[in-house]
Amino acid sequence: MRMSMEQLQDKIQRWMRIAPQALKEALLKGAKLVTKEAQSAHLSGPKMPRGLGNPTRATLAAPSGRLRRSINERVQVSKDRVIARVGTNVIYGKVHEKGLEVRGHKMPERPFLRPSIEEKKQRIMEIIIDGFMEAYNRG
């Protein structure tokens, strides 16, 4: 289908109005993938023994499951950017993720979010591209 320059400009203008919402939806979908990966691959199953850390395959399954349930995602839209965040409000989540010192003892790094992002990075990019293409086709 051929378009005139004016038609193309109109389509691009429509697309620019709906693109931020399409990106927000795509990023939220991608963030949910990261959450599920962290919960199933790193916050379930046998607990890693005390004092050990594994930067890619740590499992931190606790009997209460508090950390696993606390993983959440949010997407913020501002005038010039859209940001997706996946995290936890449980303080020891940060300690495990980064391997910090607690009460004079160095906790080993047991990341659960960073490996999950790395694992899902390619799929997230596909979701974003698909979201943009769908928005463009709608526009």
Protein backbone atom coordinates (compact mmCIF):
# COMPACT_ATOMS: atom_id res chain seq x y z
CA MET A 1 0.00 0.00 0.00
CA ARG A 2 1.43 3.34 -1.04
CA MET A 3 1.12 6.40 1.18
CA SER A 4 1.60 10.02 0.46
CA MET A 5 4.06 11.96 2.60
CA GLU A 6 1.13 13.61 4.41
CA GLN A 7 -0.47 10.24 5.16
CA LEU A 8 2.83 8.92 6.48
CA GLN A 9 3.27 12.00 8.68
CA ASP A 10 -0.26 11.55 10.04
CA LYS A 11 0.41 7.89 10.78
CA ILE A 12 3.66 8.73 12.56
CA GLN A 13 1.90 11.41 14.64
CA ARG A 14 -0.81 8.93 15.67
CA TRP A 15 1.84 6.35 16.47
CA MET A 16 3.78 8.83 18.62
CA ARG A 17 0.63 9.43 20.69
CA ILE A 18 0.08 5.74 21.37
CA ALA A 19 3.74 4.62 21.54
CA PRO A 20 4.32 5.53 25.22
CA GLN A 21 1.34 3.43 26.31
CA ALA A 22 2.45 0.56 24.06
CA LEU A 23 5.94 0.75 25.55
CA LYS A 24 4.51 0.85 29.07
CA GLU A 25 2.44 -2.28 28.41
CA ALA A 26 5.39 -4.09 26.81
CA LEU A 27 7.76 -3.21 29.66
CA LEU A 28 5.24 -4.34 32.26
CA LYS A 29 4.86 -7.65 30.44
CA GLY A 30 8.67 -8.01 30.35
CA ALA A 31 8.98 -7.10 34.04
CA LYS A 32 6.44 -9.78 34.91
CA LEU A 33 8.61 -12.33 33.06
CA VAL A 34 11.58 -11.29 35.21
CA THR A 35 9.47 -11.62 38.37
CA LYS A 36 8.34 -15.12 37.42
CA GLU A 37 11.92 -16.15 36.57
CA ALA A 38 13.24 -14.86 39.89
CA GLN A 39 10.47 -16.58 41.81
CA SER A 40 10.75 -19.94 40.09
CA ALA A 41 14.50 -20.21 39.42
CA HIS A 42 15.99 -18.41 42.43
CA LEU A 43 13.39 -18.17 45.17
CA SER A 44 12.00 -21.70 45.05
CA GLY A 45 13.53 -25.10 45.55
CA PRO A 46 16.29 -26.19 47.92
CA LYS A 47 17.90 -23.40 49.92
CA MET A 48 21.58 -22.72 49.31
CA PRO A 49 23.66 -23.60 52.40
CA ARG A 50 24.75 -20.76 54.69
CA GLY A 51 28.00 -19.11 53.65
CA LEU A 52 27.80 -20.14 50.01
CA GLY A 53 26.95 -17.88 47.13
CA ASN A 54 26.49 -18.44 43.44
CA PRO A 55 26.13 -15.36 41.22
CA THR A 56 23.95 -17.12 38.66
CA ARG A 57 22.08 -19.99 40.30
CA ALA A 58 21.51 -18.98 43.92
CA THR A 59 18.37 -20.33 45.51
CA LEU A 60 17.04 -18.51 48.52
CA ALA A 61 13.87 -20.41 49.23
CA ALA A 62 12.86 -19.60 52.77
CA PRO A 63 10.16 -21.48 54.63
CA SER A 64 7.95 -18.39 54.80
CA GLY A 65 8.29 -17.46 51.11
CA ARG A 66 8.21 -13.78 52.11
CA LEU A 67 10.96 -12.71 49.70
CA ARG A 68 9.38 -14.65 46.82
CA ARG A 69 5.98 -13.04 47.43
CA SER A 70 7.48 -9.56 47.79
CA ILE A 71 8.87 -9.36 44.24
CA ASN A 72 6.92 -6.73 42.38
CA GLU A 73 7.12 -4.73 39.21
CA ARG A 74 6.13 -1.21 38.26
CA VAL A 75 6.46 0.97 35.21
CA GLN A 76 6.87 4.74 35.42
CA VAL A 77 6.07 7.00 32.50
CA SER A 78 7.38 10.55 32.37
CA LYS A 79 7.54 13.12 29.61
CA ASP A 80 10.65 11.69 27.98
CA ARG A 81 11.13 8.17 29.33
CA VAL A 82 9.47 4.96 30.38
CA ILE A 83 11.18 2.93 33.11
CA ALA A 84 10.37 -0.57 34.32
CA ARG A 85 11.49 -1.66 37.78
CA VAL A 86 11.45 -5.09 39.37
CA GLY A 87 12.32 -5.30 43.04
CA THR A 88 11.39 -6.07 46.59
CA ASN A 89 10.72 -4.08 49.72
CA VAL A 90 12.17 -6.85 51.91
CA ILE A 91 15.46 -5.46 53.26
CA TYR A 92 17.34 -8.77 53.16
CA GLY A 93 16.56 -9.03 49.46
CA LYS A 94 19.14 -6.31 48.81
CA VAL A 95 21.62 -8.05 51.12
CA HIS A 96 21.33 -11.30 49.14
CA GLU A 97 21.27 -9.60 45.73
CA LYS A 98 24.46 -7.60 46.30
CA GLY A 99 26.32 -9.56 48.99
CA LEU A 100 26.60 -6.90 51.67
CA GLU A 101 28.14 -6.87 55.12
CA VAL A 102 25.65 -7.43 57.94
CA ARG A 103 26.66 -7.11 61.61
CA GLY A 104 30.32 -7.56 60.74
CA HIS A 105 29.74 -10.63 58.57
CA LYS A 106 30.08 -10.51 54.81
CA MET A 107 27.06 -12.14 53.19
CA PRO A 108 27.95 -13.85 49.92
CA GLU A 109 26.35 -12.51 46.77
CA ARG A 110 23.24 -14.53 45.91
CA PRO A 111 21.57 -12.51 43.18
CA PHE A 112 18.08 -13.45 42.12
CA LEU A 113 17.05 -10.41 40.06
CA ARG A 114 20.12 -9.78 37.90
CA PRO A 115 20.34 -13.35 36.57
CA SER A 116 16.59 -13.29 35.94
CA ILE A 117 16.92 -10.12 33.86
CA GLU A 118 19.84 -11.62 31.95
CA GLU A 119 17.86 -14.80 31.30
CA LYS A 120 14.84 -12.91 29.94
CA LYS A 121 16.62 -10.02 28.17
CA GLN A 122 16.15 -11.38 24.64
CA ARG A 123 12.47 -12.17 25.18
CA ILE A 124 11.88 -8.71 26.68
CA MET A 125 13.38 -7.09 23.58
CA GLU A 126 11.07 -9.19 21.40
CA ILE A 127 8.06 -8.11 23.48
CA ILE A 128 9.03 -4.43 23.14
CA ILE A 129 9.50 -4.69 19.38
CA ASP A 130 6.20 -6.58 19.01
CA GLY A 131 4.46 -3.91 21.11
CA PHE A 132 5.82 -1.11 18.95
CA MET A 133 4.90 -2.87 15.74
CA GLU A 134 1.38 -3.52 16.99
CA ALA A 135 1.05 0.17 18.01
CA TYR A 136 2.38 1.29 14.62
CA ASN A 137 -0.08 -0.95 12.80
CA ARG A 138 -2.95 0.39 14.93
CA GLY A 139 -1.84 4.01 14.35
